[in-house]
Amino acid sequence: MSFETDKEEVVRDTLKKIERMKNAAGKTLFRQDLQEEIQLQIKVDNSLPHGRFYPSEVYPGQWRATEQTFKAMKKNIFALGDDIDELKHEYKCESCSEVLDIQFWNFCPFCGESFKYE
């Protein structure tokens, strides 16, 4: 078997396992038949404080954030749908002491520090 064929088989097996996963209430965690497309408009505004998203006062549905906050944000944060609270993982940044849920961030959006895992 080639590397690509092996890789595709692993992906298919992983997808099957994911489709069988259940949450604490016994409901399916991931349903591919309920796919939806979510689009957010986030504009960079470096005059704002880091680590937060602010609604645009001019354009409804648009958000503003600093470049650092935008870069820190994981771009697939909506991939898990509404069950993301079950996966909450609070982390206190060693640099700035802000507490955040690291499932949404690549690094601390407040100070830019990388996460330090135990």
C-alpha atoms as a PDB file:
ATOM      1  CA  MET A   1       0.000   0.000   0.000  1.00  0.00           C
ATOM      2  CA  SER A   2       1.164   3.503  -0.732  1.00  0.00           C
ATOM      3  CA  PHE A   3       1.525   6.261   1.834  1.00  0.00           C
ATOM      4  CA  GLU A   4      -1.454   8.158   0.362  1.00  0.00           C
ATOM      5  CA  THR A   5      -3.695   5.074   0.504  1.00  0.00           C
ATOM      6  CA  ASP A   6      -2.664   4.416   4.120  1.00  0.00           C
ATOM      7  CA  LYS A   7      -3.310   8.036   4.977  1.00  0.00           C
ATOM      8  CA  GLU A   8      -6.783   7.960   3.392  1.00  0.00           C
ATOM      9  CA  GLU A   9      -7.649   4.788   5.313  1.00  0.00           C
ATOM     10  CA  VAL A  10      -6.590   6.372   8.594  1.00  0.00           C
ATOM     11  CA  VAL A  11      -8.729   9.417   7.813  1.00  0.00           C
ATOM     12  CA  ARG A  12     -11.769   7.236   7.026  1.00  0.00           C
ATOM     13  CA  ASP A  13     -11.303   5.196  10.228  1.00  0.00           C
ATOM     14  CA  THR A  14     -10.935   8.364  12.293  1.00  0.00           C
ATOM     15  CA  LEU A  15     -14.067   9.870  10.752  1.00  0.00           C
ATOM     16  CA  LYS A  16     -16.028   6.701  11.608  1.00  0.00           C
ATOM     17  CA  LYS A  17     -14.829   6.924  15.223  1.00  0.00           C
ATOM     18  CA  ILE A  18     -15.790  10.594  15.425  1.00  0.00           C
ATOM     19  CA  GLU A  19     -19.266   9.865  14.063  1.00  0.00           C
ATOM     20  CA  ARG A  20     -19.763   7.269  16.846  1.00  0.00           C
ATOM     21  CA  MET A  21     -18.742   9.655  19.656  1.00  0.00           C
ATOM     22  CA  LYS A  22     -21.428  10.593  22.179  1.00  0.00           C
ATOM     23  CA  ASN A  23     -21.694  13.476  24.609  1.00  0.00           C
ATOM     24  CA  ALA A  24     -22.602  13.212  28.314  1.00  0.00           C
ATOM     25  CA  ALA A  25     -26.307  13.035  27.421  1.00  0.00           C
ATOM     26  CA  GLY A  26     -25.744  10.158  25.002  1.00  0.00           C
ATOM     27  CA  LYS A  27     -26.330  12.323  21.921  1.00  0.00           C
ATOM     28  CA  THR A  28     -24.126  12.202  18.859  1.00  0.00           C
ATOM     29  CA  LEU A  29     -21.437  14.871  19.082  1.00  0.00           C
ATOM     30  CA  PHE A  30     -20.837  15.328  15.372  1.00  0.00           C
ATOM     31  CA  ARG A  31     -23.391  15.065  12.606  1.00  0.00           C
ATOM     32  CA  GLN A  32     -22.209  15.645   9.087  1.00  0.00           C
ATOM     33  CA  ASP A  33     -25.773  15.940   7.803  1.00  0.00           C
ATOM     34  CA  LEU A  34     -26.183  19.164   9.822  1.00  0.00           C
ATOM     35  CA  GLN A  35     -23.364  21.100   8.237  1.00  0.00           C
ATOM     36  CA  GLU A  36     -23.753  24.822   8.087  1.00  0.00           C
ATOM     37  CA  GLU A  37     -21.548  27.583   6.870  1.00  0.00           C
ATOM     38  CA  ILE A  38     -20.733  30.333   9.326  1.00  0.00           C
ATOM     39  CA  GLN A  39     -19.052  33.473   8.129  1.00  0.00           C
ATOM     40  CA  LEU A  40     -17.824  36.211  10.403  1.00  0.00           C
ATOM     41  CA  GLN A  41     -16.511  39.544   9.345  1.00  0.00           C
ATOM     42  CA  ILE A  42     -13.694  40.600  11.636  1.00  0.00           C
ATOM     43  CA  LYS A  43     -11.821  43.786  10.865  1.00  0.00           C
ATOM     44  CA  VAL A  44      -8.451  44.585  12.422  1.00  0.00           C
ATOM     45  CA  ASP A  45      -8.485  47.662  14.648  1.00  0.00           C
ATOM     46  CA  ASN A  46      -5.299  48.026  16.682  1.00  0.00           C
ATOM     47  CA  SER A  47      -6.731  50.908  18.716  1.00  0.00           C
ATOM     48  CA  LEU A  48      -8.697  48.367  20.796  1.00  0.00           C
ATOM     49  CA  PRO A  49      -7.501  46.392  23.829  1.00  0.00           C
ATOM     50  CA  HIS A  50      -6.177  42.894  23.064  1.00  0.00           C
ATOM     51  CA  GLY A  51      -8.110  39.698  23.729  1.00  0.00           C
ATOM     52  CA  ARG A  52     -11.666  40.796  22.980  1.00  0.00           C
ATOM     53  CA  PHE A  53     -13.985  41.144  19.996  1.00  0.00           C
ATOM     54  CA  TYR A  54     -16.098  44.263  19.714  1.00  0.00           C
ATOM     55  CA  PRO A  55     -19.221  44.661  17.579  1.00  0.00           C
ATOM     56  CA  SER A  56     -18.928  47.263  14.863  1.00  0.00           C
ATOM     57  CA  GLU A  57     -20.865  50.412  15.596  1.00  0.00           C
ATOM     58  CA  VAL A  58     -21.157  51.145  11.879  1.00  0.00           C
ATOM     59  CA  TYR A  59     -21.670  47.752  10.211  1.00  0.00           C
ATOM     60  CA  PRO A  60     -24.148  45.328  11.821  1.00  0.00           C
ATOM     61  CA  GLY A  61     -22.821  41.770  12.002  1.00  0.00           C
ATOM     62  CA  GLN A  62     -19.207  42.874  11.713  1.00  0.00           C
ATOM     63  CA  TRP A  63     -16.703  42.586  14.559  1.00  0.00           C
ATOM     64  CA  ARG A  64     -13.461  44.388  15.381  1.00  0.00           C
ATOM     65  CA  ALA A  65     -10.346  43.060  17.102  1.00  0.00           C
ATOM     66  CA  THR A  66      -6.644  43.747  17.271  1.00  0.00           C
ATOM     67  CA  GLU A  67      -4.287  41.985  14.894  1.00  0.00           C
ATOM     68  CA  GLN A  68      -2.838  40.022  17.821  1.00  0.00           C
ATOM     69  CA  THR A  69      -6.305  38.848  18.909  1.00  0.00           C
ATOM     70  CA  PHE A  70      -7.189  37.850  15.353  1.00  0.00           C
ATOM     71  CA  LYS A  71      -3.968  35.873  14.926  1.00  0.00           C
ATOM     72  CA  ALA A  72      -4.429  34.172  18.310  1.00  0.00           C
ATOM     73  CA  MET A  73      -7.976  33.040  17.438  1.00  0.00           C
ATOM     74  CA  LYS A  74      -8.349  29.483  16.173  1.00  0.00           C
ATOM     75  CA  LYS A  75     -10.056  29.821  12.822  1.00  0.00           C
ATOM     76  CA  ASN A  76     -12.098  26.625  13.249  1.00  0.00           C
ATOM     77  CA  ILE A  77     -13.760  27.568  16.540  1.00  0.00           C
ATOM     78  CA  PHE A  78     -17.238  26.790  15.236  1.00  0.00           C
ATOM     79  CA  ALA A  79     -16.356  23.358  13.851  1.00  0.00           C
ATOM     80  CA  LEU A  80     -17.708  21.573  16.940  1.00  0.00           C
ATOM     81  CA  GLY A  81     -21.065  23.307  16.871  1.00  0.00           C
ATOM     82  CA  ASP A  82     -22.951  23.982  20.090  1.00  0.00           C
ATOM     83  CA  ASP A  83     -21.251  21.290  22.196  1.00  0.00           C
ATOM     84  CA  ILE A  84     -18.065  23.274  22.756  1.00  0.00           C
ATOM     85  CA  ASP A  85     -18.835  23.944  26.437  1.00  0.00           C
ATOM     86  CA  GLU A  86     -18.274  20.261  27.174  1.00  0.00           C
ATOM     87  CA  LEU A  87     -14.700  20.622  25.923  1.00  0.00           C
ATOM     88  CA  LYS A  88     -13.881  23.716  27.979  1.00  0.00           C
ATOM     89  CA  HIS A  89     -10.246  23.886  29.090  1.00  0.00           C
ATOM     90  CA  GLU A  90      -9.469  26.901  31.224  1.00  0.00           C
ATOM     91  CA  TYR A  91      -5.890  28.117  31.289  1.00  0.00           C
ATOM     92  CA  LYS A  92      -4.306  30.891  33.335  1.00  0.00           C
ATOM     93  CA  CYS A  93      -1.626  32.635  31.321  1.00  0.00           C
ATOM     94  CA  GLU A  94       1.673  32.600  33.174  1.00  0.00           C
ATOM     95  CA  SER A  95       2.668  35.925  31.649  1.00  0.00           C
ATOM     96  CA  CYS A  96      -0.401  38.148  32.132  1.00  0.00           C
ATOM     97  CA  SER A  97      -2.554  36.004  34.490  1.00  0.00           C
ATOM     98  CA  GLU A  98      -5.635  36.208  32.255  1.00  0.00           C
ATOM     99  CA  VAL A  99      -7.854  33.113  32.415  1.00  0.00           C
ATOM    100  CA  LEU A 100      -9.080  31.887  29.028  1.00  0.00           C
ATOM    101  CA  ASP A 101     -10.442  28.797  27.324  1.00  0.00           C
ATOM    102  CA  ILE A 102      -7.558  27.484  25.230  1.00  0.00           C
ATOM    103  CA  GLN A 103      -9.823  25.582  22.839  1.00  0.00           C
ATOM    104  CA  PHE A 104     -10.387  28.949  21.125  1.00  0.00           C
ATOM    105  CA  TRP A 105      -6.824  30.279  21.052  1.00  0.00           C
ATOM    106  CA  ASN A 106      -3.448  29.417  19.514  1.00  0.00           C
ATOM    107  CA  PHE A 107      -1.654  31.634  22.072  1.00  0.00           C
ATOM    108  CA  CYS A 108      -2.695  34.197  24.674  1.00  0.00           C
ATOM    109  CA  PRO A 109      -4.637  36.946  22.872  1.00  0.00           C
ATOM    110  CA  PHE A 110      -4.013  39.403  25.711  1.00  0.00           C
ATOM    111  CA  CYS A 111      -0.211  39.379  25.899  1.00  0.00           C
ATOM    112  CA  GLY A 112       0.873  37.230  22.914  1.00  0.00           C
ATOM    113  CA  GLU A 113       2.629  34.629  25.078  1.00  0.00           C
ATOM    114  CA  SER A 114       2.706  30.974  23.943  1.00  0.00           C
ATOM    115  CA  PHE A 115       0.868  28.472  26.113  1.00  0.00           C
ATOM    116  CA  LYS A 116       3.070  26.551  28.504  1.00  0.00           C
ATOM    117  CA  TYR A 117       1.779  23.042  29.117  1.00  0.00           C
ATOM    118  CA  GLU A 118       2.685  21.003  32.164  1.00  0.00           C
END
